[in-house]
Amino acid sequence: MKTILIHEESASATRRTRGSVPLIDHYTIYVFIAEQDYCKLYCIADGFDFFFSLSNKVKDGTRCSEHNNNICIDGICETVGCDQILGSNAMYDSCGVCKGDNSTCKIYSSQYTKQHYSNQYYSLVTIPSGARSIRVSEMNISTSYISVCNTQKKYYLNGYWTIDWPGQYQFAGAVFEYKRPYNNPETLISAGPTNETIVVEVSPCSVIY
């Protein structure tokens, strides 16, 4: 068994000014980077829109992402299993049990095939608090969008007639990965568990399950 030492990489820069106007106060880790660049150190200046790479490698032991246990070693994201062993392929099952067999929970799956054409949101499924292994996906590419809100109609994704960028979003106590490639159907995935009931909706003309 290999021992794993976890570090959290951070960066800072000296405050610089031109007269009384600050140029850069300090940097924070730039989060929205491509998966293949997880082990590079990208930073964005607070209060500014530009970012750049400070290093091609983060410190060994830095997590590849705050949402899993994988770590960076020599600039490469290495797998850490749910058993906390480096290089292990051990995974949580759909019920959240490490190396489990999906026997400790109920799995629900269904398809939604109704067609809608009016300009409004349509409720597809209500996902209860405590849900795990959530996957919502279009069956075909469409011009509509997957939306998520709570039971009080507070939107977390693609709500209020605003379309969000693909990426990782944290709401309802869980991390959701939203993918919207130009050549494949939309998907929304989360390992869970959720800590509140959420409602998945869709705008007109989408067929998803």
N, C-alpha and C. Protein backbone atom coordinates (compact mmCIF):
# COMPACT_ATOMS: atom_id res chain seq x y z
N MET A 1 0.85 -1.19 0.00
CA MET A 1 0.00 0.00 0.00
C MET A 1 0.89 1.24 0.00
N LYS A 2 0.55 2.22 -0.83
CA LYS A 2 1.33 3.44 -0.91
C LYS A 2 0.66 4.54 -0.09
N THR A 3 1.44 5.23 0.69
CA THR A 3 0.91 6.34 1.47
C THR A 3 0.76 7.56 0.58
N ILE A 4 -0.34 8.28 0.73
CA ILE A 4 -0.61 9.45 -0.09
C ILE A 4 -0.52 10.69 0.77
N LEU A 5 0.30 11.63 0.36
CA LEU A 5 0.41 12.91 1.04
C LEU A 5 -0.31 13.96 0.22
N ILE A 6 -1.32 14.56 0.80
CA ILE A 6 -2.15 15.51 0.07
C ILE A 6 -1.70 16.93 0.38
N HIS A 7 -1.48 17.73 -0.66
CA HIS A 7 -1.16 19.14 -0.52
C HIS A 7 -2.22 19.95 -1.26
N GLU A 8 -2.43 21.16 -0.85
CA GLU A 8 -3.28 22.08 -1.59
C GLU A 8 -2.39 23.18 -2.13
N GLU A 9 -2.24 23.27 -3.46
CA GLU A 9 -1.35 24.24 -4.08
C GLU A 9 -1.99 25.62 -4.09
N SER A 10 -1.23 26.63 -3.79
CA SER A 10 -1.72 28.00 -3.87
C SER A 10 -0.63 28.88 -4.41
N ALA A 11 -0.98 30.09 -4.80
CA ALA A 11 0.01 31.00 -5.36
C ALA A 11 -0.26 32.40 -4.87
N SER A 12 0.78 33.20 -4.81
CA SER A 12 0.61 34.60 -4.43
C SER A 12 1.61 35.43 -5.21
N ALA A 13 1.37 36.72 -5.29
CA ALA A 13 2.29 37.62 -5.97
C ALA A 13 2.38 38.91 -5.18
N THR A 14 3.53 39.57 -5.27
CA THR A 14 3.72 40.81 -4.55
C THR A 14 2.83 41.90 -5.14
N ARG A 15 2.23 42.68 -4.27
CA ARG A 15 1.38 43.79 -4.71
C ARG A 15 2.22 44.81 -5.46
N ARG A 16 1.76 45.20 -6.63
CA ARG A 16 2.47 46.19 -7.42
C ARG A 16 1.52 47.35 -7.73
N THR A 17 2.02 48.56 -7.74
CA THR A 17 1.17 49.71 -8.01
C THR A 17 1.82 50.63 -9.02
N ARG A 18 0.99 51.36 -9.73
CA ARG A 18 1.45 52.44 -10.60
C ARG A 18 0.77 53.69 -10.09
N GLY A 19 1.51 54.54 -9.36
CA GLY A 19 0.89 55.66 -8.68
C GLY A 19 0.02 55.12 -7.56
N SER A 20 -1.26 55.48 -7.57
CA SER A 20 -2.18 55.00 -6.54
C SER A 20 -3.09 53.90 -7.06
N VAL A 21 -2.85 53.43 -8.31
CA VAL A 21 -3.71 52.42 -8.91
C VAL A 21 -3.07 51.05 -8.78
N PRO A 22 -3.67 50.12 -8.05
CA PRO A 22 -3.08 48.78 -7.93
C PRO A 22 -3.18 48.02 -9.24
N LEU A 23 -2.08 47.39 -9.65
CA LEU A 23 -2.11 46.56 -10.85
C LEU A 23 -2.58 45.15 -10.51
N ILE A 24 -1.96 44.54 -9.51
CA ILE A 24 -2.31 43.19 -9.11
C ILE A 24 -2.23 43.10 -7.59
N ASP A 25 -3.27 42.65 -6.95
CA ASP A 25 -3.23 42.45 -5.51
C ASP A 25 -2.66 41.08 -5.19
N HIS A 26 -3.36 40.03 -5.60
CA HIS A 26 -2.85 38.68 -5.42
C HIS A 26 -3.61 37.76 -6.36
N TYR A 27 -3.18 36.53 -6.41
CA TYR A 27 -3.77 35.57 -7.33
C TYR A 27 -4.50 34.47 -6.57
N THR A 28 -5.50 33.90 -7.22
CA THR A 28 -6.13 32.69 -6.71
C THR A 28 -6.11 31.65 -7.82
N ILE A 29 -6.24 30.39 -7.45
CA ILE A 29 -6.18 29.32 -8.44
C ILE A 29 -7.30 29.49 -9.46
N TYR A 30 -6.95 29.40 -10.74
CA TYR A 30 -7.94 29.48 -11.81
C TYR A 30 -8.58 28.11 -11.96
N VAL A 31 -9.90 28.02 -11.77
CA VAL A 31 -10.58 26.74 -11.64
C VAL A 31 -10.95 26.13 -12.98
N PHE A 32 -11.42 26.94 -13.93
CA PHE A 32 -12.00 26.40 -15.15
C PHE A 32 -10.91 26.12 -16.19
N ILE A 33 -10.25 24.98 -16.03
CA ILE A 33 -9.18 24.58 -16.94
C ILE A 33 -9.53 23.23 -17.55
N ALA A 34 -8.89 22.93 -18.68
CA ALA A 34 -9.14 21.66 -19.36
C ALA A 34 -8.63 20.50 -18.51
N GLU A 35 -9.28 19.35 -18.65
CA GLU A 35 -8.94 18.19 -17.83
C GLU A 35 -7.48 17.78 -17.99
N GLN A 36 -6.95 17.89 -19.21
CA GLN A 36 -5.56 17.48 -19.44
C GLN A 36 -4.56 18.44 -18.79
N ASP A 37 -5.04 19.60 -18.32
CA ASP A 37 -4.16 20.58 -17.70
C ASP A 37 -4.36 20.68 -16.19
N TYR A 38 -5.01 19.69 -15.58
CA TYR A 38 -5.30 19.75 -14.16
C TYR A 38 -4.04 19.89 -13.30
N CYS A 39 -2.92 19.38 -13.77
CA CYS A 39 -1.70 19.40 -12.96
C CYS A 39 -0.77 20.55 -13.32
N LYS A 40 -1.26 21.51 -14.10
CA LYS A 40 -0.55 22.76 -14.32
C LYS A 40 -1.12 23.81 -13.38
N LEU A 41 -0.32 24.80 -13.03
CA LEU A 41 -0.76 25.83 -12.10
C LEU A 41 -1.22 27.05 -12.88
N TYR A 42 -2.54 27.17 -13.07
CA TYR A 42 -3.14 28.32 -13.73
C TYR A 42 -3.74 29.24 -12.69
N CYS A 43 -3.48 30.54 -12.83
CA CYS A 43 -4.02 31.50 -11.88
C CYS A 43 -4.68 32.65 -12.62
N ILE A 44 -5.64 33.27 -11.95
CA ILE A 44 -6.31 34.45 -12.49
C ILE A 44 -6.19 35.57 -11.46
N ALA A 45 -5.91 36.78 -11.92
CA ALA A 45 -5.74 37.91 -11.01
C ALA A 45 -7.09 38.33 -10.45
N ASP A 46 -7.16 38.52 -9.13
CA ASP A 46 -8.41 38.94 -8.51
C ASP A 46 -8.87 40.28 -9.08
N GLY A 47 -10.11 40.33 -9.52
CA GLY A 47 -10.67 41.55 -10.06
C GLY A 47 -10.36 41.79 -11.52
N PHE A 48 -9.66 40.84 -12.16
CA PHE A 48 -9.30 40.98 -13.57
C PHE A 48 -9.80 39.76 -14.34
N ASP A 49 -9.79 39.86 -15.68
CA ASP A 49 -10.29 38.77 -16.51
C ASP A 49 -9.18 37.92 -17.13
N PHE A 50 -7.91 38.31 -16.96
CA PHE A 50 -6.85 37.55 -17.61
C PHE A 50 -6.29 36.49 -16.66
N PHE A 51 -5.71 35.45 -17.25
CA PHE A 51 -5.07 34.40 -16.46
C PHE A 51 -3.89 33.86 -17.23
N PHE A 52 -3.01 33.17 -16.54
CA PHE A 52 -1.85 32.59 -17.20
C PHE A 52 -1.29 31.47 -16.33
N SER A 53 -0.37 30.71 -16.90
CA SER A 53 0.23 29.59 -16.20
C SER A 53 1.46 30.05 -15.43
N LEU A 54 1.49 29.76 -14.15
CA LEU A 54 2.66 30.07 -13.33
C LEU A 54 3.66 28.92 -13.33
N SER A 55 3.19 27.71 -13.64
CA SER A 55 4.08 26.55 -13.63
C SER A 55 3.46 25.43 -14.44
N ASN A 56 4.31 24.61 -15.09
CA ASN A 56 3.82 23.45 -15.82
C ASN A 56 3.48 22.29 -14.90
N LYS A 57 3.90 22.39 -13.64
CA LYS A 57 3.62 21.33 -12.68
C LYS A 57 3.25 21.95 -11.34
N VAL A 58 2.22 21.41 -10.71
CA VAL A 58 1.95 21.77 -9.32
C VAL A 58 2.77 20.84 -8.43
N LYS A 59 2.79 21.13 -7.15
CA LYS A 59 3.55 20.32 -6.20
C LYS A 59 2.99 18.90 -6.15
N ASP A 60 3.88 17.91 -6.13
CA ASP A 60 3.44 16.52 -6.02
C ASP A 60 2.55 16.33 -4.80
N GLY A 61 1.45 15.63 -4.98
CA GLY A 61 0.49 15.42 -3.90
C GLY A 61 -0.68 16.36 -3.95
N THR A 62 -0.63 17.37 -4.84
CA THR A 62 -1.77 18.28 -5.01
C THR A 62 -2.93 17.54 -5.66
N ARG A 63 -4.13 17.74 -5.17
CA ARG A 63 -5.29 17.10 -5.78
C ARG A 63 -5.48 17.61 -7.21
N CYS A 64 -5.81 16.70 -8.12
CA CYS A 64 -6.12 17.09 -9.50
C CYS A 64 -7.38 17.95 -9.52
N SER A 65 -8.30 17.66 -8.63
CA SER A 65 -9.56 18.39 -8.54
C SER A 65 -10.06 18.29 -7.11
N GLU A 66 -10.79 19.29 -6.67
CA GLU A 66 -11.36 19.24 -5.33
C GLU A 66 -12.50 18.25 -5.24
N HIS A 67 -12.91 17.68 -6.39
CA HIS A 67 -14.08 16.83 -6.42
C HIS A 67 -13.76 15.34 -6.46
N ASN A 68 -12.47 14.98 -6.41
CA ASN A 68 -12.11 13.56 -6.34
C ASN A 68 -10.80 13.41 -5.59
N ASN A 69 -10.33 12.17 -5.43
CA ASN A 69 -9.12 11.91 -4.65
C ASN A 69 -7.86 11.82 -5.49
N ASN A 70 -7.96 11.94 -6.81
CA ASN A 70 -6.79 11.80 -7.67
C ASN A 70 -5.78 12.91 -7.38
N ILE A 71 -4.49 12.58 -7.51
CA ILE A 71 -3.44 13.54 -7.17
C ILE A 71 -2.44 13.68 -8.31
N CYS A 72 -1.76 14.82 -8.32
CA CYS A 72 -0.74 15.11 -9.33
C CYS A 72 0.62 14.61 -8.87
N ILE A 73 1.30 13.89 -9.75
CA ILE A 73 2.66 13.43 -9.50
C ILE A 73 3.47 13.70 -10.75
N ASP A 74 4.49 14.53 -10.62
CA ASP A 74 5.36 14.90 -11.74
C ASP A 74 4.55 15.44 -12.92
N GLY A 75 3.53 16.24 -12.62
CA GLY A 75 2.74 16.89 -13.66
C GLY A 75 1.67 16.02 -14.29
N ILE A 76 1.47 14.82 -13.77
CA ILE A 76 0.47 13.90 -14.32
C ILE A 76 -0.56 13.57 -13.24
N CYS A 77 -1.83 13.59 -13.63
CA CYS A 77 -2.90 13.26 -12.69
C CYS A 77 -2.99 11.75 -12.54
N GLU A 78 -2.69 11.26 -11.35
CA GLU A 78 -2.69 9.82 -11.08
C GLU A 78 -3.95 9.42 -10.31
N THR A 79 -4.45 8.23 -10.61
CA THR A 79 -5.69 7.75 -10.01
C THR A 79 -5.47 7.31 -8.56
N VAL A 80 -6.40 7.69 -7.71
CA VAL A 80 -6.46 7.21 -6.33
C VAL A 80 -7.84 6.58 -6.14
N GLY A 81 -7.87 5.31 -5.78
CA GLY A 81 -9.14 4.61 -5.63
C GLY A 81 -9.91 5.05 -4.40
N CYS A 82 -11.16 4.60 -4.31
CA CYS A 82 -11.97 4.93 -3.14
C CYS A 82 -11.40 4.30 -1.87
N ASP A 83 -10.48 3.33 -2.04
CA ASP A 83 -9.80 2.73 -0.89
C ASP A 83 -8.56 3.51 -0.48
N GLN A 84 -8.37 4.71 -1.12
CA GLN A 84 -7.28 5.63 -0.81
C GLN A 84 -5.90 5.07 -1.16
N ILE A 85 -5.84 4.14 -2.11
CA ILE A 85 -4.57 3.56 -2.55
C ILE A 85 -4.22 4.12 -3.92
N LEU A 86 -3.00 4.64 -4.05
CA LEU A 86 -2.53 5.21 -5.30
C LEU A 86 -2.47 4.13 -6.38
N GLY A 87 -3.07 4.41 -7.54
CA GLY A 87 -3.09 3.47 -8.64
C GLY A 87 -4.20 2.45 -8.56
N SER A 88 -4.99 2.47 -7.50
CA SER A 88 -6.09 1.52 -7.35
C SER A 88 -7.25 1.88 -8.27
N ASN A 89 -7.92 0.87 -8.79
CA ASN A 89 -9.10 1.07 -9.62
C ASN A 89 -10.40 0.92 -8.83
N ALA A 90 -10.29 0.82 -7.50
CA ALA A 90 -11.47 0.66 -6.66
C ALA A 90 -12.38 1.88 -6.81
N MET A 91 -13.68 1.62 -7.02
CA MET A 91 -14.64 2.70 -7.24
C MET A 91 -15.85 2.53 -6.33
N TYR A 92 -16.53 3.65 -6.08
CA TYR A 92 -17.80 3.60 -5.37
C TYR A 92 -18.86 3.06 -6.32
N ASP A 93 -19.77 2.24 -5.79
CA ASP A 93 -20.88 1.79 -6.63
C ASP A 93 -21.95 2.87 -6.65
N SER A 94 -23.06 2.60 -7.29
CA SER A 94 -24.12 3.60 -7.43
C SER A 94 -24.72 4.00 -6.09
N CYS A 95 -24.53 3.17 -5.08
CA CYS A 95 -25.08 3.45 -3.75
C CYS A 95 -24.10 4.20 -2.87
N GLY A 96 -22.87 4.46 -3.37
CA GLY A 96 -21.87 5.17 -2.59
C GLY A 96 -21.02 4.27 -1.73
N VAL A 97 -21.04 2.95 -1.98
CA VAL A 97 -20.25 1.99 -1.21
C VAL A 97 -18.98 1.66 -1.98
N CYS A 98 -17.82 1.81 -1.34
CA CYS A 98 -16.55 1.52 -2.00
C CYS A 98 -16.47 0.03 -2.33
N LYS A 99 -16.24 -0.27 -3.61
CA LYS A 99 -16.17 -1.65 -4.12
C LYS A 99 -17.46 -2.42 -3.85
N GLY A 100 -18.58 -1.70 -3.82
CA GLY A 100 -19.88 -2.33 -3.59
C GLY A 100 -20.46 -2.94 -4.85
N ASP A 101 -21.65 -3.54 -4.71
CA ASP A 101 -22.29 -4.23 -5.84
C ASP A 101 -23.68 -3.69 -6.16
N ASN A 102 -23.96 -2.45 -5.74
CA ASN A 102 -25.25 -1.79 -6.00
C ASN A 102 -26.43 -2.47 -5.31
N SER A 103 -26.16 -3.25 -4.27
CA SER A 103 -27.24 -4.01 -3.63
C SER A 103 -27.85 -3.29 -2.42
N THR A 104 -27.30 -2.14 -2.05
CA THR A 104 -27.77 -1.48 -0.83
C THR A 104 -28.68 -0.28 -1.09
N CYS A 105 -29.10 -0.09 -2.34
CA CYS A 105 -30.01 1.02 -2.65
C CYS A 105 -30.86 0.65 -3.86
N LYS A 106 -31.88 1.45 -4.14
CA LYS A 106 -32.74 1.24 -5.29
C LYS A 106 -32.30 2.13 -6.44
N ILE A 107 -32.31 1.60 -7.64
CA ILE A 107 -31.91 2.35 -8.83
C ILE A 107 -33.14 2.61 -9.69
N TYR A 108 -33.35 3.88 -10.04
CA TYR A 108 -34.50 4.28 -10.85
C TYR A 108 -34.01 4.80 -12.20
N SER A 109 -34.70 4.39 -13.27
CA SER A 109 -34.35 4.83 -14.61
C SER A 109 -35.62 4.97 -15.43
N SER A 110 -35.70 6.03 -16.23
CA SER A 110 -36.89 6.23 -17.06
C SER A 110 -36.54 7.12 -18.24
N GLN A 111 -37.47 7.20 -19.20
CA GLN A 111 -37.32 8.06 -20.37
C GLN A 111 -38.48 9.04 -20.43
N TYR A 112 -38.16 10.24 -20.89
CA TYR A 112 -39.18 11.27 -21.08
C TYR A 112 -39.23 11.58 -22.57
N THR A 113 -40.38 11.35 -23.19
CA THR A 113 -40.47 11.46 -24.65
C THR A 113 -41.53 12.45 -25.13
N LYS A 114 -42.09 13.25 -24.24
CA LYS A 114 -43.10 14.22 -24.65
C LYS A 114 -42.45 15.35 -25.45
N GLN A 115 -43.17 15.86 -26.41
CA GLN A 115 -42.71 17.00 -27.21
C GLN A 115 -43.43 18.26 -26.73
N HIS A 116 -42.66 19.35 -26.53
CA HIS A 116 -43.23 20.62 -26.12
C HIS A 116 -42.73 21.72 -27.05
N TYR A 117 -43.58 22.70 -27.29
CA TYR A 117 -43.21 23.74 -28.25
C TYR A 117 -43.37 25.16 -27.70
N SER A 118 -44.10 25.35 -26.61
CA SER A 118 -44.28 26.69 -26.08
C SER A 118 -43.04 27.12 -25.29
N ASN A 119 -42.89 28.42 -25.13
CA ASN A 119 -41.68 29.00 -24.57
C ASN A 119 -41.77 29.03 -23.04
N GLN A 120 -41.49 27.89 -22.40
CA GLN A 120 -41.50 27.81 -20.95
C GLN A 120 -40.69 26.59 -20.51
N TYR A 121 -40.50 26.47 -19.20
CA TYR A 121 -39.78 25.32 -18.65
C TYR A 121 -40.77 24.20 -18.34
N TYR A 122 -40.34 22.96 -18.61
CA TYR A 122 -41.18 21.79 -18.35
C TYR A 122 -40.46 20.87 -17.37
N SER A 123 -41.17 20.45 -16.34
CA SER A 123 -40.60 19.57 -15.32
C SER A 123 -40.49 18.15 -15.85
N LEU A 124 -39.30 17.55 -15.68
CA LEU A 124 -39.07 16.18 -16.15
C LEU A 124 -39.08 15.18 -15.00
N VAL A 125 -38.32 15.48 -13.95
CA VAL A 125 -38.20 14.53 -12.85
C VAL A 125 -37.82 15.28 -11.58
N THR A 126 -38.34 14.81 -10.46
CA THR A 126 -37.97 15.35 -9.15
C THR A 126 -37.02 14.36 -8.48
N ILE A 127 -35.84 14.83 -8.11
CA ILE A 127 -34.81 13.98 -7.51
C ILE A 127 -34.75 14.27 -6.02
N PRO A 128 -34.99 13.28 -5.18
CA PRO A 128 -35.08 13.52 -3.73
C PRO A 128 -33.72 13.75 -3.09
N SER A 129 -33.74 14.33 -1.91
CA SER A 129 -32.53 14.50 -1.11
C SER A 129 -31.93 13.13 -0.81
N GLY A 130 -30.60 13.04 -0.86
CA GLY A 130 -29.92 11.78 -0.59
C GLY A 130 -29.64 10.96 -1.83
N ALA A 131 -30.05 11.45 -3.01
CA ALA A 131 -29.85 10.70 -4.25
C ALA A 131 -28.37 10.66 -4.63
N ARG A 132 -27.95 9.55 -5.25
CA ARG A 132 -26.59 9.36 -5.72
C ARG A 132 -26.60 8.91 -7.18
N SER A 133 -25.43 8.98 -7.80
CA SER A 133 -25.23 8.47 -9.16
C SER A 133 -26.30 9.01 -10.11
N ILE A 134 -26.40 10.31 -10.18
CA ILE A 134 -27.41 10.98 -11.01
C ILE A 134 -26.87 11.19 -12.42
N ARG A 135 -27.66 10.82 -13.39
CA ARG A 135 -27.29 11.05 -14.79
C ARG A 135 -28.53 11.42 -15.59
N VAL A 136 -28.50 12.59 -16.19
CA VAL A 136 -29.58 13.05 -17.07
C VAL A 136 -28.94 13.34 -18.42
N SER A 137 -29.51 12.80 -19.48
CA SER A 137 -28.90 12.96 -20.80
C SER A 137 -29.96 13.04 -21.89
N GLU A 138 -29.70 13.89 -22.87
CA GLU A 138 -30.54 13.90 -24.06
C GLU A 138 -30.32 12.62 -24.86
N MET A 139 -31.35 12.17 -25.53
CA MET A 139 -31.21 11.02 -26.40
C MET A 139 -30.62 11.42 -27.75
N ASN A 140 -30.88 12.67 -28.15
CA ASN A 140 -30.36 13.20 -29.41
C ASN A 140 -29.98 14.66 -29.20
N ILE A 141 -29.14 15.17 -30.09
CA ILE A 141 -28.78 16.59 -30.05
C ILE A 141 -30.03 17.43 -30.33
N SER A 142 -30.22 18.49 -29.55
CA SER A 142 -31.39 19.34 -29.74
C SER A 142 -31.00 20.79 -29.49
N THR A 143 -31.96 21.68 -29.66
CA THR A 143 -31.73 23.11 -29.43
C THR A 143 -32.20 23.55 -28.05
N SER A 144 -32.61 22.61 -27.21
CA SER A 144 -33.08 22.95 -25.87
C SER A 144 -31.99 22.70 -24.84
N TYR A 145 -32.29 23.00 -23.57
CA TYR A 145 -31.29 22.92 -22.52
C TYR A 145 -31.84 22.28 -21.26
N ILE A 146 -31.01 21.50 -20.59
CA ILE A 146 -31.35 20.93 -19.29
C ILE A 146 -31.22 22.02 -18.23
N SER A 147 -32.23 22.14 -17.39
CA SER A 147 -32.21 23.12 -16.30
C SER A 147 -32.44 22.41 -14.97
N VAL A 148 -31.94 23.02 -13.89
CA VAL A 148 -32.12 22.44 -12.55
C VAL A 148 -32.51 23.54 -11.58
N CYS A 149 -33.52 23.26 -10.76
CA CYS A 149 -33.93 24.20 -9.71
C CYS A 149 -34.34 23.40 -8.48
N ASN A 150 -34.59 24.10 -7.38
CA ASN A 150 -35.13 23.42 -6.20
C ASN A 150 -36.64 23.53 -6.19
N THR A 151 -37.27 23.04 -5.16
CA THR A 151 -38.74 23.03 -5.13
C THR A 151 -39.33 24.43 -4.95
N GLN A 152 -38.48 25.41 -4.59
CA GLN A 152 -38.94 26.80 -4.48
C GLN A 152 -38.65 27.60 -5.75
N LYS A 153 -38.27 26.89 -6.81
CA LYS A 153 -37.99 27.49 -8.11
C LYS A 153 -36.74 28.38 -8.11
N LYS A 154 -35.80 28.08 -7.23
CA LYS A 154 -34.50 28.74 -7.29
C LYS A 154 -33.63 27.94 -8.25
N TYR A 155 -33.20 28.57 -9.34
CA TYR A 155 -32.46 27.85 -10.37
C TYR A 155 -30.97 27.78 -10.06
N TYR A 156 -30.40 26.60 -10.32
CA TYR A 156 -28.98 26.37 -10.15
C TYR A 156 -28.25 26.25 -11.49
N LEU A 157 -28.98 25.89 -12.54
CA LEU A 157 -28.36 25.68 -13.85
C LEU A 157 -29.36 26.05 -14.94
N ASN A 158 -28.91 26.88 -15.88
CA ASN A 158 -29.71 27.25 -17.06
C ASN A 158 -31.11 27.74 -16.69
N GLY A 159 -31.18 28.60 -15.70
CA GLY A 159 -32.47 29.12 -15.28
C GLY A 159 -32.65 30.59 -15.63
N TYR A 160 -33.87 31.07 -15.45
CA TYR A 160 -34.20 32.48 -15.68
C TYR A 160 -33.85 32.91 -17.10
N TRP A 161 -34.00 31.97 -18.05
CA TRP A 161 -33.74 32.21 -19.47
C TRP A 161 -32.29 32.64 -19.73
N THR A 162 -31.40 32.13 -18.91
CA THR A 162 -29.96 32.35 -19.09
C THR A 162 -29.27 31.01 -19.26
N ILE A 163 -28.39 30.90 -20.25
CA ILE A 163 -27.69 29.65 -20.52
C ILE A 163 -26.30 29.71 -19.90
N ASP A 164 -25.99 28.73 -19.06
CA ASP A 164 -24.69 28.67 -18.40
C ASP A 164 -23.67 27.93 -19.25
N TRP A 165 -22.39 28.21 -18.98
CA TRP A 165 -21.32 27.51 -19.67
C TRP A 165 -21.23 26.07 -19.18
N PRO A 166 -20.79 25.14 -20.02
CA PRO A 166 -20.50 23.78 -19.54
C PRO A 166 -19.41 23.85 -18.47
N GLY A 167 -19.43 22.90 -17.56
CA GLY A 167 -18.43 22.88 -16.50
C GLY A 167 -18.97 22.21 -15.25
N GLN A 168 -18.28 22.39 -14.14
CA GLN A 168 -18.68 21.81 -12.87
C GLN A 168 -19.40 22.86 -12.02
N TYR A 169 -20.53 22.45 -11.46
CA TYR A 169 -21.34 23.34 -10.63
C TYR A 169 -21.63 22.64 -9.30
N GLN A 170 -21.60 23.40 -8.24
CA GLN A 170 -21.86 22.85 -6.92
C GLN A 170 -23.17 23.41 -6.38
N PHE A 171 -24.13 22.53 -6.15
CA PHE A 171 -25.41 22.92 -5.57
C PHE A 171 -26.06 21.69 -4.96
N ALA A 172 -27.03 21.91 -4.11
CA ALA A 172 -27.74 20.82 -3.43
C ALA A 172 -26.77 19.87 -2.72
N GLY A 173 -25.63 20.41 -2.26
CA GLY A 173 -24.68 19.61 -1.50
C GLY A 173 -23.82 18.68 -2.32
N ALA A 174 -23.86 18.79 -3.65
CA ALA A 174 -23.11 17.87 -4.51
C ALA A 174 -22.49 18.64 -5.67
N VAL A 175 -21.55 18.00 -6.35
CA VAL A 175 -20.91 18.57 -7.53
C VAL A 175 -21.55 17.96 -8.77
N PHE A 176 -21.98 18.80 -9.69
CA PHE A 176 -22.60 18.35 -10.94
C PHE A 176 -21.71 18.75 -12.11
N GLU A 177 -21.49 17.82 -13.02
CA GLU A 177 -20.73 18.10 -14.23
C GLU A 177 -21.69 18.24 -15.40
N TYR A 178 -21.68 19.42 -15.98
CA TYR A 178 -22.59 19.74 -17.08
C TYR A 178 -21.80 19.79 -18.39
N LYS A 179 -22.18 18.92 -19.34
CA LYS A 179 -21.49 18.85 -20.63
C LYS A 179 -22.46 19.22 -21.75
N ARG A 180 -21.99 20.06 -22.66
CA ARG A 180 -22.80 20.46 -23.80
C ARG A 180 -21.92 20.58 -25.04
N PRO A 181 -21.35 19.46 -25.51
CA PRO A 181 -20.50 19.50 -26.71
C PRO A 181 -21.34 19.80 -27.94
N TYR A 182 -20.72 20.40 -28.95
CA TYR A 182 -21.47 20.78 -30.15
C TYR A 182 -21.92 19.57 -30.96
N ASN A 183 -21.22 18.42 -30.79
CA ASN A 183 -21.51 17.26 -31.64
C ASN A 183 -22.07 16.07 -30.87
N ASN A 184 -22.47 16.28 -29.61
CA ASN A 184 -23.05 15.21 -28.81
C ASN A 184 -24.17 15.77 -27.93
N PRO A 185 -25.10 14.91 -27.48
CA PRO A 185 -26.19 15.39 -26.63
C PRO A 185 -25.70 15.95 -25.30
N GLU A 186 -26.51 16.80 -24.70
CA GLU A 186 -26.25 17.35 -23.38
C GLU A 186 -26.27 16.26 -22.32
N THR A 187 -25.44 16.40 -21.28
CA THR A 187 -25.50 15.49 -20.14
C THR A 187 -25.28 16.27 -18.85
N LEU A 188 -25.86 15.76 -17.78
CA LEU A 188 -25.66 16.29 -16.44
C LEU A 188 -25.42 15.10 -15.52
N ILE A 189 -24.26 15.08 -14.85
CA ILE A 189 -23.85 13.92 -14.06
C ILE A 189 -23.42 14.37 -12.67
N SER A 190 -23.77 13.59 -11.66
CA SER A 190 -23.29 13.85 -10.31
C SER A 190 -23.20 12.55 -9.53
N ALA A 191 -22.14 12.41 -8.75
CA ALA A 191 -22.01 11.24 -7.87
C ALA A 191 -22.90 11.39 -6.65
N GLY A 192 -23.30 12.65 -6.31
CA GLY A 192 -24.11 12.88 -5.13
C GLY A 192 -23.28 12.71 -3.86
N PRO A 193 -23.92 12.56 -2.71
CA PRO A 193 -25.37 12.61 -2.51
C PRO A 193 -25.88 14.05 -2.43
N THR A 194 -27.13 14.25 -2.82
CA THR A 194 -27.75 15.57 -2.70
C THR A 194 -28.25 15.77 -1.27
N ASN A 195 -28.35 17.03 -0.86
CA ASN A 195 -28.87 17.32 0.48
C ASN A 195 -30.19 18.08 0.44
N GLU A 196 -30.77 18.20 -0.75
CA GLU A 196 -32.10 18.78 -0.89
C GLU A 196 -32.75 18.23 -2.14
N THR A 197 -34.05 18.34 -2.22
CA THR A 197 -34.79 17.89 -3.39
C THR A 197 -34.57 18.87 -4.54
N ILE A 198 -34.27 18.35 -5.72
CA ILE A 198 -34.09 19.20 -6.89
C ILE A 198 -35.01 18.74 -8.01
N VAL A 199 -35.32 19.66 -8.91
CA VAL A 199 -36.21 19.37 -10.03
C VAL A 199 -35.45 19.60 -11.33
N VAL A 200 -35.43 18.60 -12.19
CA VAL A 200 -34.80 18.73 -13.51
C VAL A 200 -35.87 19.15 -14.50
N GLU A 201 -35.59 20.22 -15.22
CA GLU A 201 -36.54 20.75 -16.20
C GLU A 201 -35.87 20.84 -17.57
N VAL A 202 -36.67 21.16 -18.58
CA VAL A 202 -36.14 21.32 -19.93
C VAL A 202 -36.95 22.39 -20.64
N SER A 203 -36.29 23.12 -21.53
CA SER A 203 -36.98 24.07 -22.38
C SER A 203 -37.56 23.31 -23.58
N PRO A 204 -38.36 23.94 -24.45
CA PRO A 204 -39.09 23.22 -25.50
C PRO A 204 -38.25 22.36 -26.42
N CYS A 205 -38.90 21.31 -26.94
CA CYS A 205 -38.41 20.48 -28.05
C CYS A 205 -37.27 19.55 -27.70
N SER A 206 -37.06 19.24 -26.42
CA SER A 206 -36.00 18.30 -26.06
C SER A 206 -36.60 16.94 -25.72
N VAL A 207 -35.89 15.89 -26.04
CA VAL A 207 -36.27 14.54 -25.66
C VAL A 207 -35.12 13.96 -24.87
N ILE A 208 -35.31 13.75 -23.56
CA ILE A 208 -34.22 13.27 -22.73
C ILE A 208 -34.71 12.15 -21.84
N TYR A 209 -33.76 11.47 -21.23
CA TYR A 209 -34.13 10.44 -20.27
C TYR A 209 -33.35 10.62 -19.01
